[in-house]
Amino acid sequence: MFSATFDDFDETERGIAQRLQIDGRMSTVQMANEIGVAEATVRRKLQHLLSDKSIHVQLVSDPMRGSGVTAIVGFIIERLHVDDVARRLAAYEFVESVYGMTAPYHLIAEIRAPSTDHLFKFLMDELRPVEGIKNTESFIIGRVYKHHGRRTEV
């Protein structure tokens, strides 16, 4: 059922992480009951996992909800400029994720733009002067079947 293995975690830490994947707001009392340990143990281990950045809890929005368009964009970059372009992309609020890749793209970005026009202008006009970008390829998301580990209703 769970996708991550959490190899470096002990059994209790794995239980905490797996439950937070399903419900990021689950109480430590409920986790303790489900895992079969004391709530103080869950609280202590959860605090440790969060403080050493082994895990983090964040809100993930549904890419199909509301107005706008979500796209996965592959970037072919001159190798000398990959880090600079990645940092520049990551600075935009509507760019949700930026990943360094092996091939055929050097970078992949998930972009949640207000409209296809906004996405087009961003890629064609705003990024045009950015040194190192050789080409892009965009994939507009039409339907989501699974997002950040959660299956969606179809």
C-alpha atoms as a PDB file:
ATOM      1  CA  MET A   1       0.000   0.000   0.000  1.00  0.00           C
ATOM      2  CA  PHE A   2       2.829   2.413   0.799  1.00  0.00           C
ATOM      3  CA  SER A   3       5.273   3.492  -1.891  1.00  0.00           C
ATOM      4  CA  ALA A   4       8.227   4.656   0.192  1.00  0.00           C
ATOM      5  CA  THR A   5      10.462   2.180   1.984  1.00  0.00           C
ATOM      6  CA  PHE A   6      12.090   4.483   4.556  1.00  0.00           C
ATOM      7  CA  ASP A   7      15.030   2.060   4.815  1.00  0.00           C
ATOM      8  CA  ASP A   8      16.893   4.164   7.401  1.00  0.00           C
ATOM      9  CA  PHE A   9      13.866   4.423   9.702  1.00  0.00           C
ATOM     10  CA  ASP A  10      13.054   2.088  12.562  1.00  0.00           C
ATOM     11  CA  GLU A  11       9.653   0.366  12.648  1.00  0.00           C
ATOM     12  CA  THR A  12       7.946   3.153  14.629  1.00  0.00           C
ATOM     13  CA  GLU A  13       9.384   5.895  12.400  1.00  0.00           C
ATOM     14  CA  ARG A  14       8.193   4.006   9.299  1.00  0.00           C
ATOM     15  CA  GLY A  15       4.727   3.758  10.832  1.00  0.00           C
ATOM     16  CA  ILE A  16       4.673   7.491  11.528  1.00  0.00           C
ATOM     17  CA  ALA A  17       5.845   8.409   8.021  1.00  0.00           C
ATOM     18  CA  GLN A  18       3.405   6.035   6.333  1.00  0.00           C
ATOM     19  CA  ARG A  19       0.472   7.431   8.264  1.00  0.00           C
ATOM     20  CA  LEU A  20       1.459  11.021   7.517  1.00  0.00           C
ATOM     21  CA  GLN A  21       1.555  10.151   3.804  1.00  0.00           C
ATOM     22  CA  ILE A  22      -2.123   9.265   4.053  1.00  0.00           C
ATOM     23  CA  ASP A  23      -3.181  12.013   6.482  1.00  0.00           C
ATOM     24  CA  GLY A  24      -0.715  14.806   7.215  1.00  0.00           C
ATOM     25  CA  ARG A  25      -2.952  16.007  10.051  1.00  0.00           C
ATOM     26  CA  MET A  26      -3.237  12.676  11.865  1.00  0.00           C
ATOM     27  CA  SER A  27      -2.908  13.132  15.622  1.00  0.00           C
ATOM     28  CA  THR A  28      -0.044  11.589  17.551  1.00  0.00           C
ATOM     29  CA  VAL A  29      -2.643   9.810  19.701  1.00  0.00           C
ATOM     30  CA  GLN A  30      -4.174   8.109  16.652  1.00  0.00           C
ATOM     31  CA  MET A  31      -0.725   7.210  15.263  1.00  0.00           C
ATOM     32  CA  ALA A  32       0.314   5.731  18.616  1.00  0.00           C
ATOM     33  CA  ASN A  33      -2.879   3.647  18.780  1.00  0.00           C
ATOM     34  CA  GLU A  34      -2.445   2.343  15.228  1.00  0.00           C
ATOM     35  CA  ILE A  35       1.279   1.627  15.590  1.00  0.00           C
ATOM     36  CA  GLY A  36       0.944   0.166  19.096  1.00  0.00           C
ATOM     37  CA  VAL A  37       3.360   2.411  20.995  1.00  0.00           C
ATOM     38  CA  ALA A  38       3.030   5.166  23.586  1.00  0.00           C
ATOM     39  CA  GLU A  39       1.971   8.587  22.359  1.00  0.00           C
ATOM     40  CA  ALA A  40       5.084  10.115  23.971  1.00  0.00           C
ATOM     41  CA  THR A  41       7.201   7.841  21.750  1.00  0.00           C
ATOM     42  CA  VAL A  42       5.369   9.021  18.626  1.00  0.00           C
ATOM     43  CA  ARG A  43       5.704  12.674  19.678  1.00  0.00           C
ATOM     44  CA  ARG A  44       9.445  12.302  20.371  1.00  0.00           C
ATOM     45  CA  LYS A  45      10.183  10.392  17.154  1.00  0.00           C
ATOM     46  CA  LEU A  46       8.031  12.728  15.053  1.00  0.00           C
ATOM     47  CA  GLN A  47       9.829  15.774  16.478  1.00  0.00           C
ATOM     48  CA  HIS A  48      13.189  14.157  15.684  1.00  0.00           C
ATOM     49  CA  LEU A  49      12.140  13.255  12.109  1.00  0.00           C
ATOM     50  CA  LEU A  50      10.938  16.807  11.496  1.00  0.00           C
ATOM     51  CA  SER A  51      13.890  18.559  13.135  1.00  0.00           C
ATOM     52  CA  ASP A  52      16.558  16.581  11.267  1.00  0.00           C
ATOM     53  CA  LYS A  53      14.576  17.033   8.029  1.00  0.00           C
ATOM     54  CA  SER A  54      14.163  13.293   7.466  1.00  0.00           C
ATOM     55  CA  ILE A  55      10.535  14.118   6.669  1.00  0.00           C
ATOM     56  CA  HIS A  56       8.476  17.242   6.131  1.00  0.00           C
ATOM     57  CA  VAL A  57       4.742  17.709   5.991  1.00  0.00           C
ATOM     58  CA  GLN A  58       3.307  20.011   3.346  1.00  0.00           C
ATOM     59  CA  LEU A  59       0.056  20.831   1.655  1.00  0.00           C
ATOM     60  CA  VAL A  60      -0.225  19.503  -1.892  1.00  0.00           C
ATOM     61  CA  SER A  61      -2.921  21.063  -4.027  1.00  0.00           C
ATOM     62  CA  ASP A  62      -4.925  19.173  -6.624  1.00  0.00           C
ATOM     63  CA  PRO A  63      -3.521  20.179 -10.034  1.00  0.00           C
ATOM     64  CA  MET A  64      -6.957  19.830 -11.656  1.00  0.00           C
ATOM     65  CA  ARG A  65      -8.904  21.882  -9.132  1.00  0.00           C
ATOM     66  CA  GLY A  66      -9.757  25.489  -9.827  1.00  0.00           C
ATOM     67  CA  SER A  67      -8.853  27.522 -12.842  1.00  0.00           C
ATOM     68  CA  GLY A  68      -5.533  27.477 -14.579  1.00  0.00           C
ATOM     69  CA  VAL A  69      -3.386  24.892 -16.263  1.00  0.00           C
ATOM     70  CA  THR A  70      -0.774  22.502 -14.956  1.00  0.00           C
ATOM     71  CA  ALA A  71       2.051  21.433 -17.236  1.00  0.00           C
ATOM     72  CA  ILE A  72       5.169  19.344 -17.027  1.00  0.00           C
ATOM     73  CA  VAL A  73       7.879  21.139 -19.005  1.00  0.00           C
ATOM     74  CA  GLY A  74      11.123  19.533 -20.106  1.00  0.00           C
ATOM     75  CA  PHE A  75      14.085  21.876 -20.589  1.00  0.00           C
ATOM     76  CA  ILE A  76      17.128  21.173 -22.711  1.00  0.00           C
ATOM     77  CA  ILE A  77      19.886  23.318 -21.235  1.00  0.00           C
ATOM     78  CA  GLU A  78      23.520  23.950 -22.068  1.00  0.00           C
ATOM     79  CA  ARG A  79      25.248  21.948 -19.338  1.00  0.00           C
ATOM     80  CA  LEU A  80      27.203  24.931 -18.047  1.00  0.00           C
ATOM     81  CA  HIS A  81      23.923  26.723 -17.235  1.00  0.00           C
ATOM     82  CA  VAL A  82      21.795  23.951 -15.695  1.00  0.00           C
ATOM     83  CA  ASP A  83      22.139  25.116 -12.072  1.00  0.00           C
ATOM     84  CA  ASP A  84      21.555  28.779 -12.945  1.00  0.00           C
ATOM     85  CA  VAL A  85      18.427  28.005 -14.971  1.00  0.00           C
ATOM     86  CA  ALA A  86      17.142  25.660 -12.231  1.00  0.00           C
ATOM     87  CA  ARG A  87      17.561  28.371  -9.586  1.00  0.00           C
ATOM     88  CA  ARG A  88      15.821  30.908 -11.799  1.00  0.00           C
ATOM     89  CA  LEU A  89      12.863  28.580 -12.461  1.00  0.00           C
ATOM     90  CA  ALA A  90      12.577  27.707  -8.768  1.00  0.00           C
ATOM     91  CA  ALA A  91      12.221  31.412  -7.907  1.00  0.00           C
ATOM     92  CA  TYR A  92       8.841  31.680  -9.665  1.00  0.00           C
ATOM     93  CA  GLU A  93       5.893  31.167  -7.304  1.00  0.00           C
ATOM     94  CA  PHE A  94       3.818  29.290  -9.912  1.00  0.00           C
ATOM     95  CA  VAL A  95       6.644  26.822 -10.639  1.00  0.00           C
ATOM     96  CA  GLU A  96       5.779  24.037  -8.220  1.00  0.00           C
ATOM     97  CA  SER A  97       8.788  21.734  -8.713  1.00  0.00           C
ATOM     98  CA  VAL A  98      12.108  21.708 -10.566  1.00  0.00           C
ATOM     99  CA  TYR A  99      14.124  18.511 -11.028  1.00  0.00           C
ATOM    100  CA  GLY A 100      17.564  17.866 -12.477  1.00  0.00           C
ATOM    101  CA  MET A 101      17.366  14.934 -14.884  1.00  0.00           C
ATOM    102  CA  THR A 102      19.685  12.623 -16.778  1.00  0.00           C
ATOM    103  CA  ALA A 103      18.116  12.609 -20.258  1.00  0.00           C
ATOM    104  CA  PRO A 104      16.583  13.585 -22.623  1.00  0.00           C
ATOM    105  CA  TYR A 105      15.845  16.769 -20.620  1.00  0.00           C
ATOM    106  CA  HIS A 106      18.316  18.399 -18.267  1.00  0.00           C
ATOM    107  CA  LEU A 107      15.514  19.905 -16.168  1.00  0.00           C
ATOM    108  CA  ILE A 108      11.852  19.061 -15.669  1.00  0.00           C
ATOM    109  CA  ALA A 109       9.514  21.612 -14.082  1.00  0.00           C
ATOM    110  CA  GLU A 110       5.929  21.304 -12.913  1.00  0.00           C
ATOM    111  CA  ILE A 111       4.260  24.610 -13.642  1.00  0.00           C
ATOM    112  CA  ARG A 112       0.831  25.673 -12.421  1.00  0.00           C
ATOM    113  CA  ALA A 113      -0.025  28.708 -14.550  1.00  0.00           C
ATOM    114  CA  PRO A 114      -3.204  30.794 -14.391  1.00  0.00           C
ATOM    115  CA  SER A 115      -3.905  30.096 -18.080  1.00  0.00           C
ATOM    116  CA  THR A 116      -2.413  28.531 -21.198  1.00  0.00           C
ATOM    117  CA  ASP A 117      -1.724  32.072 -22.398  1.00  0.00           C
ATOM    118  CA  HIS A 118       0.285  32.769 -19.240  1.00  0.00           C
ATOM    119  CA  LEU A 119       2.222  29.517 -19.690  1.00  0.00           C
ATOM    120  CA  PHE A 120       2.904  30.361 -23.342  1.00  0.00           C
ATOM    121  CA  LYS A 121       4.114  33.897 -22.548  1.00  0.00           C
ATOM    122  CA  PHE A 122       6.269  32.608 -19.699  1.00  0.00           C
ATOM    123  CA  LEU A 123       7.987  30.015 -21.894  1.00  0.00           C
ATOM    124  CA  MET A 124       8.218  32.066 -25.084  1.00  0.00           C
ATOM    125  CA  ASP A 125       8.764  35.605 -23.813  1.00  0.00           C
ATOM    126  CA  GLU A 126       9.966  35.662 -20.220  1.00  0.00           C
ATOM    127  CA  LEU A 127      12.415  32.767 -20.552  1.00  0.00           C
ATOM    128  CA  ARG A 128      13.625  33.753 -24.044  1.00  0.00           C
ATOM    129  CA  PRO A 129      16.540  35.883 -22.794  1.00  0.00           C
ATOM    130  CA  VAL A 130      17.662  33.297 -20.208  1.00  0.00           C
ATOM    131  CA  GLU A 131      21.134  32.142 -21.138  1.00  0.00           C
ATOM    132  CA  GLY A 132      21.524  28.414 -21.614  1.00  0.00           C
ATOM    133  CA  ILE A 133      17.960  27.342 -22.465  1.00  0.00           C
ATOM    134  CA  LYS A 134      18.158  25.590 -25.817  1.00  0.00           C
ATOM    135  CA  ASN A 135      14.630  24.174 -26.055  1.00  0.00           C
ATOM    136  CA  THR A 136      11.522  23.233 -24.078  1.00  0.00           C
ATOM    137  CA  GLU A 137       8.757  20.692 -24.491  1.00  0.00           C
ATOM    138  CA  SER A 138       5.473  21.120 -22.641  1.00  0.00           C
ATOM    139  CA  PHE A 139       2.995  18.492 -21.548  1.00  0.00           C
ATOM    140  CA  ILE A 140      -0.355  19.891 -20.385  1.00  0.00           C
ATOM    141  CA  ILE A 141      -1.989  17.716 -17.713  1.00  0.00           C
ATOM    142  CA  GLY A 142      -5.488  16.733 -18.777  1.00  0.00           C
ATOM    143  CA  ARG A 143      -6.420  14.219 -16.069  1.00  0.00           C
ATOM    144  CA  VAL A 144      -4.765  13.054 -12.850  1.00  0.00           C
ATOM    145  CA  TYR A 145      -4.907   9.391 -11.840  1.00  0.00           C
ATOM    146  CA  LYS A 146      -2.419   9.572  -8.971  1.00  0.00           C
ATOM    147  CA  HIS A 147      -0.797  12.645  -7.422  1.00  0.00           C
ATOM    148  CA  HIS A 148       1.890  12.650  -4.712  1.00  0.00           C
ATOM    149  CA  GLY A 149       1.111   9.079  -3.746  1.00  0.00           C
ATOM    150  CA  ARG A 150      -2.653   9.460  -3.692  1.00  0.00           C
ATOM    151  CA  ARG A 151      -4.935   7.913  -6.271  1.00  0.00           C
ATOM    152  CA  THR A 152      -7.712  10.118  -7.565  1.00  0.00           C
ATOM    153  CA  GLU A 153     -11.264   9.266  -8.459  1.00  0.00           C
ATOM    154  CA  VAL A 154     -11.870   8.914 -12.177  1.00  0.00           C
END
